Amino acid sequence: MVAAWKAAGFTYNKYLAIAARAVRRSLKDGPRAKAERRGNVEQLKFVKWENGKPGESKTISSESAAQ
């Protein structure tokens, strides 16, 4: 039996992001505002290490990471 998120073609991280967003949107207005602030990610950074040394740091926008 295949998990529903895998059958839909999502990664587990994408599945968790969708579930968390659904839970945040189902909250009442007061707690929702606090939860939405915790759910925002301004930027992600990626660094590839080679031979024990960090390479160039790349910033990944949250819009492209959400897809």
PDB file of N, CA and C in Angstrom:
ATOM      1  N   MET A   1       0.839  -1.177   0.000  1.00  0.00           N
ATOM      2  CA  MET A   1       0.000   0.000   0.000  1.00  0.00           C
ATOM      3  C   MET A   1       0.889   1.246   0.000  1.00  0.00           C
ATOM      4  N   VAL A   2       0.613   2.165  -0.905  1.00  0.00           N
ATOM      5  CA  VAL A   2       1.395   3.384  -1.049  1.00  0.00           C
ATOM      6  C   VAL A   2       0.698   4.511  -0.280  1.00  0.00           C
ATOM      7  N   ALA A   3       1.505   5.312   0.423  1.00  0.00           N
ATOM      8  CA  ALA A   3       0.953   6.452   1.159  1.00  0.00           C
ATOM      9  C   ALA A   3       0.290   7.419   0.181  1.00  0.00           C
ATOM     10  N   ALA A   4      -0.741   8.097   0.633  1.00  0.00           N
ATOM     11  CA  ALA A   4      -1.493   9.007  -0.236  1.00  0.00           C
ATOM     12  C   ALA A   4      -0.617  10.133  -0.770  1.00  0.00           C
ATOM     13  N   TRP A   5       0.275  10.656   0.054  1.00  0.00           N
ATOM     14  CA  TRP A   5       1.132  11.758  -0.397  1.00  0.00           C
ATOM     15  C   TRP A   5       2.099  11.294  -1.473  1.00  0.00           C
ATOM     16  N   LYS A   6       2.545  10.056  -1.364  1.00  0.00           N
ATOM     17  CA  LYS A   6       3.460   9.515  -2.367  1.00  0.00           C
ATOM     18  C   LYS A   6       2.712   9.221  -3.666  1.00  0.00           C
ATOM     19  N   ALA A   7       1.494   8.706  -3.551  1.00  0.00           N
ATOM     20  CA  ALA A   7       0.682   8.419  -4.730  1.00  0.00           C
ATOM     21  C   ALA A   7       0.310   9.699  -5.466  1.00  0.00           C
ATOM     22  N   ALA A   8       0.173  10.816  -4.717  1.00  0.00           N
ATOM     23  CA  ALA A   8      -0.166  12.100  -5.335  1.00  0.00           C
ATOM     24  C   ALA A   8       1.045  12.764  -5.971  1.00  0.00           C
ATOM     25  N   GLY A   9       2.245  12.213  -5.729  1.00  0.00           N
ATOM     26  CA  GLY A   9       3.446  12.763  -6.329  1.00  0.00           C
ATOM     27  C   GLY A   9       4.123  13.835  -5.502  1.00  0.00           C
ATOM     28  N   PHE A  10       3.788  13.914  -4.204  1.00  0.00           N
ATOM     29  CA  PHE A  10       4.408  14.897  -3.317  1.00  0.00           C
ATOM     30  C   PHE A  10       5.563  14.268  -2.561  1.00  0.00           C
ATOM     31  N   THR A  11       6.524  15.108  -2.188  1.00  0.00           N
ATOM     32  CA  THR A  11       7.536  14.648  -1.237  1.00  0.00           C
ATOM     33  C   THR A  11       6.909  14.725   0.147  1.00  0.00           C
ATOM     34  N   TYR A  12       7.536  14.083   1.102  1.00  0.00           N
ATOM     35  CA  TYR A  12       7.002  14.113   2.458  1.00  0.00           C
ATOM     36  C   TYR A  12       7.032  15.529   3.022  1.00  0.00           C
ATOM     37  N   ASN A  13       8.076  16.285   2.722  1.00  0.00           N
ATOM     38  CA  ASN A  13       8.156  17.665   3.204  1.00  0.00           C
ATOM     39  C   ASN A  13       7.039  18.525   2.611  1.00  0.00           C
ATOM     40  N   LYS A  14       6.734  18.346   1.343  1.00  0.00           N
ATOM     41  CA  LYS A  14       5.652  19.099   0.702  1.00  0.00           C
ATOM     42  C   LYS A  14       4.314  18.711   1.334  1.00  0.00           C
ATOM     43  N   TYR A  15       4.122  17.437   1.598  1.00  0.00           N
ATOM     44  CA  TYR A  15       2.907  16.963   2.254  1.00  0.00           C
ATOM     45  C   TYR A  15       2.750  17.609   3.633  1.00  0.00           C
ATOM     46  N   LEU A  16       3.832  17.675   4.404  1.00  0.00           N
ATOM     47  CA  LEU A  16       3.778  18.308   5.722  1.00  0.00           C
ATOM     48  C   LEU A  16       3.468  19.797   5.618  1.00  0.00           C
ATOM     49  N   ALA A  17       4.024  20.475   4.631  1.00  0.00           N
ATOM     50  CA  ALA A  17       3.757  21.901   4.440  1.00  0.00           C
ATOM     51  C   ALA A  17       2.290  22.144   4.111  1.00  0.00           C
ATOM     52  N   ILE A  18       1.720  21.297   3.272  1.00  0.00           N
ATOM     53  CA  ILE A  18       0.303  21.427   2.911  1.00  0.00           C
ATOM     54  C   ILE A  18      -0.577  21.170   4.129  1.00  0.00           C
ATOM     55  N   ALA A  19      -0.267  20.142   4.898  1.00  0.00           N
ATOM     56  CA  ALA A  19      -1.044  19.825   6.092  1.00  0.00           C
ATOM     57  C   ALA A  19      -0.954  20.948   7.124  1.00  0.00           C
ATOM     58  N   ALA A  20       0.236  21.496   7.328  1.00  0.00           N
ATOM     59  CA  ALA A  20       0.411  22.580   8.296  1.00  0.00           C
ATOM     60  C   ALA A  20      -0.368  23.817   7.870  1.00  0.00           C
ATOM     61  N   ARG A  21      -0.340  24.126   6.567  1.00  0.00           N
ATOM     62  CA  ARG A  21      -1.080  25.283   6.063  1.00  0.00           C
ATOM     63  C   ARG A  21      -2.585  25.085   6.265  1.00  0.00           C
ATOM     64  N   ALA A  22      -3.082  23.864   6.042  1.00  0.00           N
ATOM     65  CA  ALA A  22      -4.503  23.582   6.236  1.00  0.00           C
ATOM     66  C   ALA A  22      -4.900  23.749   7.702  1.00  0.00           C
ATOM     67  N   VAL A  23      -4.045  23.297   8.607  1.00  0.00           N
ATOM     68  CA  VAL A  23      -4.337  23.441  10.039  1.00  0.00           C
ATOM     69  C   VAL A  23      -4.330  24.909  10.433  1.00  0.00           C
ATOM     70  N   ARG A  24      -3.333  25.676   9.971  1.00  0.00           N
ATOM     71  CA  ARG A  24      -3.272  27.104  10.304  1.00  0.00           C
ATOM     72  C   ARG A  24      -4.502  27.842   9.798  1.00  0.00           C
ATOM     73  N   ARG A  25      -4.960  27.514   8.603  1.00  0.00           N
ATOM     74  CA  ARG A  25      -6.127  28.198   8.032  1.00  0.00           C
ATOM     75  C   ARG A  25      -7.425  27.814   8.728  1.00  0.00           C
ATOM     76  N   SER A  26      -7.444  26.702   9.435  1.00  0.00           N
ATOM     77  CA  SER A  26      -8.667  26.270  10.115  1.00  0.00           C
ATOM     78  C   SER A  26      -8.819  26.885  11.506  1.00  0.00           C
ATOM     79  N   LEU A  27      -7.811  27.583  11.991  1.00  0.00           N
ATOM     80  CA  LEU A  27      -7.864  28.193  13.321  1.00  0.00           C
ATOM     81  C   LEU A  27      -8.725  29.447  13.320  1.00  0.00           C
ATOM     82  N   LYS A  28      -9.161  29.842  14.534  1.00  0.00           N
ATOM     83  CA  LYS A  28      -9.888  31.104  14.686  1.00  0.00           C
ATOM     84  C   LYS A  28      -8.929  32.258  14.442  1.00  0.00           C
ATOM     85  N   ASP A  29      -9.480  33.463  14.266  1.00  0.00           N
ATOM     86  CA  ASP A  29      -8.688  34.618  13.839  1.00  0.00           C
ATOM     87  C   ASP A  29      -7.494  34.929  14.734  1.00  0.00           C
ATOM     88  N   GLY A  30      -7.654  34.951  16.050  1.00  0.00           N
ATOM     89  CA  GLY A  30      -6.549  35.300  16.951  1.00  0.00           C
ATOM     90  C   GLY A  30      -5.381  34.326  16.850  1.00  0.00           C
ATOM     91  N   PRO A  31      -5.627  33.047  17.111  1.00  0.00           N
ATOM     92  CA  PRO A  31      -4.537  32.072  16.993  1.00  0.00           C
ATOM     93  C   PRO A  31      -4.014  31.914  15.563  1.00  0.00           C
ATOM     94  N   ARG A  32      -4.870  32.162  14.574  1.00  0.00           N
ATOM     95  CA  ARG A  32      -4.444  32.022  13.178  1.00  0.00           C
ATOM     96  C   ARG A  32      -3.338  33.023  12.845  1.00  0.00           C
ATOM     97  N   ALA A  33      -3.484  34.255  13.319  1.00  0.00           N
ATOM     98  CA  ALA A  33      -2.479  35.284  13.024  1.00  0.00           C
ATOM     99  C   ALA A  33      -1.122  34.885  13.594  1.00  0.00           C
ATOM    100  N   LYS A  34      -1.098  34.371  14.818  1.00  0.00           N
ATOM    101  CA  LYS A  34       0.156  33.930  15.430  1.00  0.00           C
ATOM    102  C   LYS A  34       0.747  32.745  14.668  1.00  0.00           C
ATOM    103  N   ALA A  35      -0.104  31.804  14.288  1.00  0.00           N
ATOM    104  CA  ALA A  35       0.365  30.614  13.575  1.00  0.00           C
ATOM    105  C   ALA A  35       0.878  30.974  12.181  1.00  0.00           C
ATOM    106  N   GLU A  36       0.229  31.907  11.512  1.00  0.00           N
ATOM    107  CA  GLU A  36       0.680  32.326  10.178  1.00  0.00           C
ATOM    108  C   GLU A  36       2.063  32.964  10.249  1.00  0.00           C
ATOM    109  N   ARG A  37       2.321  33.754  11.296  1.00  0.00           N
ATOM    110  CA  ARG A  37       3.645  34.356  11.444  1.00  0.00           C
ATOM    111  C   ARG A  37       4.709  33.288  11.653  1.00  0.00           C
ATOM    112  N   ARG A  38       4.388  32.250  12.406  1.00  0.00           N
ATOM    113  CA  ARG A  38       5.352  31.160  12.625  1.00  0.00           C
ATOM    114  C   ARG A  38       5.579  30.366  11.342  1.00  0.00           C
ATOM    115  N   GLY A  39       4.581  30.323  10.470  1.00  0.00           N
ATOM    116  CA  GLY A  39       4.684  29.545   9.244  1.00  0.00           C
ATOM    117  C   GLY A  39       5.425  30.241   8.120  1.00  0.00           C
ATOM    118  N   ASN A  40       5.664  31.547   8.261  1.00  0.00           N
ATOM    119  CA  ASN A  40       6.354  32.287   7.193  1.00  0.00           C
ATOM    120  C   ASN A  40       7.845  32.006   7.213  1.00  0.00           C
ATOM    121  N   VAL A  41       8.373  31.764   6.045  1.00  0.00           N
ATOM    122  CA  VAL A  41       9.810  31.586   5.882  1.00  0.00           C
ATOM    123  C   VAL A  41      10.264  32.655   4.904  1.00  0.00           C
ATOM    124  N   GLU A  42      11.132  33.522   5.358  1.00  0.00           N
ATOM    125  CA  GLU A  42      11.569  34.627   4.517  1.00  0.00           C
ATOM    126  C   GLU A  42      12.508  34.158   3.415  1.00  0.00           C
ATOM    127  N   GLN A  43      13.505  33.371   3.773  1.00  0.00           N
ATOM    128  CA  GLN A  43      14.438  32.903   2.760  1.00  0.00           C
ATOM    129  C   GLN A  43      15.109  31.610   3.213  1.00  0.00           C
ATOM    130  N   LEU A  44      15.491  30.845   2.261  1.00  0.00           N
ATOM    131  CA  LEU A  44      16.234  29.614   2.505  1.00  0.00           C
ATOM    132  C   LEU A  44      17.609  29.760   1.879  1.00  0.00           C
ATOM    133  N   LYS A  45      18.611  29.203   2.520  1.00  0.00           N
ATOM    134  CA  LYS A  45      19.960  29.250   1.963  1.00  0.00           C
ATOM    135  C   LYS A  45      20.473  27.837   1.761  1.00  0.00           C
ATOM    136  N   PHE A  46      21.241  27.665   0.704  1.00  0.00           N
ATOM    137  CA  PHE A  46      21.789  26.375   0.340  1.00  0.00           C
ATOM    138  C   PHE A  46      23.287  26.554   0.117  1.00  0.00           C
ATOM    139  N   VAL A  47      24.080  25.692   0.757  1.00  0.00           N
ATOM    140  CA  VAL A  47      25.532  25.738   0.582  1.00  0.00           C
ATOM    141  C   VAL A  47      26.007  24.326   0.269  1.00  0.00           C
ATOM    142  N   LYS A  48      26.690  24.167  -0.848  1.00  0.00           N
ATOM    143  CA  LYS A  48      27.243  22.871  -1.222  1.00  0.00           C
ATOM    144  C   LYS A  48      28.684  22.793  -0.717  1.00  0.00           C
ATOM    145  N   TRP A  49      28.985  21.754   0.037  1.00  0.00           N
ATOM    146  CA  TRP A  49      30.328  21.562   0.591  1.00  0.00           C
ATOM    147  C   TRP A  49      31.118  20.628  -0.322  1.00  0.00           C
ATOM    148  N   GLU A  50      32.357  20.999  -0.605  1.00  0.00           N
ATOM    149  CA  GLU A  50      33.257  20.164  -1.389  1.00  0.00           C
ATOM    150  C   GLU A  50      34.620  20.129  -0.708  1.00  0.00           C
ATOM    151  N   ASN A  51      35.156  18.941  -0.567  1.00  0.00           N
ATOM    152  CA  ASN A  51      36.464  18.748   0.056  1.00  0.00           C
ATOM    153  C   ASN A  51      36.557  19.389   1.442  1.00  0.00           C
ATOM    154  N   GLY A  52      35.480  19.324   2.197  1.00  0.00           N
ATOM    155  CA  GLY A  52      35.476  19.849   3.559  1.00  0.00           C
ATOM    156  C   GLY A  52      35.380  21.351   3.667  1.00  0.00           C
ATOM    157  N   LYS A  53      35.111  22.047   2.561  1.00  0.00           N
ATOM    158  CA  LYS A  53      35.004  23.505   2.585  1.00  0.00           C
ATOM    159  C   LYS A  53      33.673  23.930   1.963  1.00  0.00           C
ATOM    160  N   PRO A  54      33.052  24.961   2.556  1.00  0.00           N
ATOM    161  CA  PRO A  54      31.775  25.416   1.989  1.00  0.00           C
ATOM    162  C   PRO A  54      31.980  26.137   0.676  1.00  0.00           C
ATOM    163  N   GLY A  55      31.052  25.912  -0.224  1.00  0.00           N
ATOM    164  CA  GLY A  55      31.084  26.607  -1.507  1.00  0.00           C
ATOM    165  C   GLY A  55      30.286  27.890  -1.433  1.00  0.00           C
ATOM    166  N   GLU A  56      29.789  28.335  -2.566  1.00  0.00           N
ATOM    167  CA  GLU A  56      29.016  29.574  -2.640  1.00  0.00           C
ATOM    168  C   GLU A  56      27.645  29.372  -2.002  1.00  0.00           C
ATOM    169  N   SER A  57      27.217  30.343  -1.208  1.00  0.00           N
ATOM    170  CA  SER A  57      25.904  30.314  -0.580  1.00  0.00           C
ATOM    171  C   SER A  57      24.870  30.832  -1.573  1.00  0.00           C
ATOM    172  N   LYS A  58      23.799  30.064  -1.785  1.00  0.00           N
ATOM    173  CA  LYS A  58      22.742  30.460  -2.698  1.00  0.00           C
ATOM    174  C   LYS A  58      21.451  30.661  -1.906  1.00  0.00           C
ATOM    175  N   THR A  59      20.770  31.750  -2.165  1.00  0.00           N
ATOM    176  CA  THR A  59      19.491  32.038  -1.538  1.00  0.00           C
ATOM    177  C   THR A  59      18.374  31.508  -2.429  1.00  0.00           C
ATOM    178  N   ILE A  60      17.455  30.779  -1.823  1.00  0.00           N
ATOM    179  CA  ILE A  60      16.337  30.201  -2.537  1.00  0.00           C
ATOM    180  C   ILE A  60      15.084  30.905  -2.061  1.00  0.00           C
ATOM    181  N   SER A  61      14.269  31.462  -2.968  1.00  0.00           N
ATOM    182  CA  SER A  61      13.064  32.176  -2.565  1.00  0.00           C
ATOM    183  C   SER A  61      12.034  31.186  -2.048  1.00  0.00           C
ATOM    184  N   SER A  62      11.182  31.644  -1.145  1.00  0.00           N
ATOM    185  CA  SER A  62      10.159  30.772  -0.565  1.00  0.00           C
ATOM    186  C   SER A  62       9.105  30.387  -1.597  1.00  0.00           C
ATOM    187  N   GLU A  63       8.892  31.199  -2.644  1.00  0.00           N
ATOM    188  CA  GLU A  63       7.911  30.866  -3.665  1.00  0.00           C
ATOM    189  C   GLU A  63       8.364  29.661  -4.471  1.00  0.00           C
ATOM    190  N   SER A  64       9.639  29.612  -4.844  1.00  0.00           N
ATOM    191  CA  SER A  64      10.128  28.472  -5.625  1.00  0.00           C
ATOM    192  C   SER A  64      10.263  27.233  -4.753  1.00  0.00           C
ATOM    193  N   ALA A  65      10.519  27.395  -3.464  1.00  0.00           N
ATOM    194  CA  ALA A  65      10.631  26.253  -2.570  1.00  0.00           C
ATOM    195  C   ALA A  65       9.283  25.631  -2.280  1.00  0.00           C
ATOM    196  N   ALA A  66       8.206  26.416  -2.357  1.00  0.00           N
ATOM    197  CA  ALA A  66       6.879  25.922  -2.062  1.00  0.00           C
ATOM    198  C   ALA A  66       6.303  25.088  -3.194  1.00  0.00           C
ATOM    199  N   GLN A  67       6.904  25.144  -4.365  1.00  0.00           N
ATOM    200  CA  GLN A  67       6.371  24.414  -5.516  1.00  0.00           C
ATOM    201  C   GLN A  67       6.885  23.018  -5.570  1.00  0.00           C
TER     202      GLN A  67
END
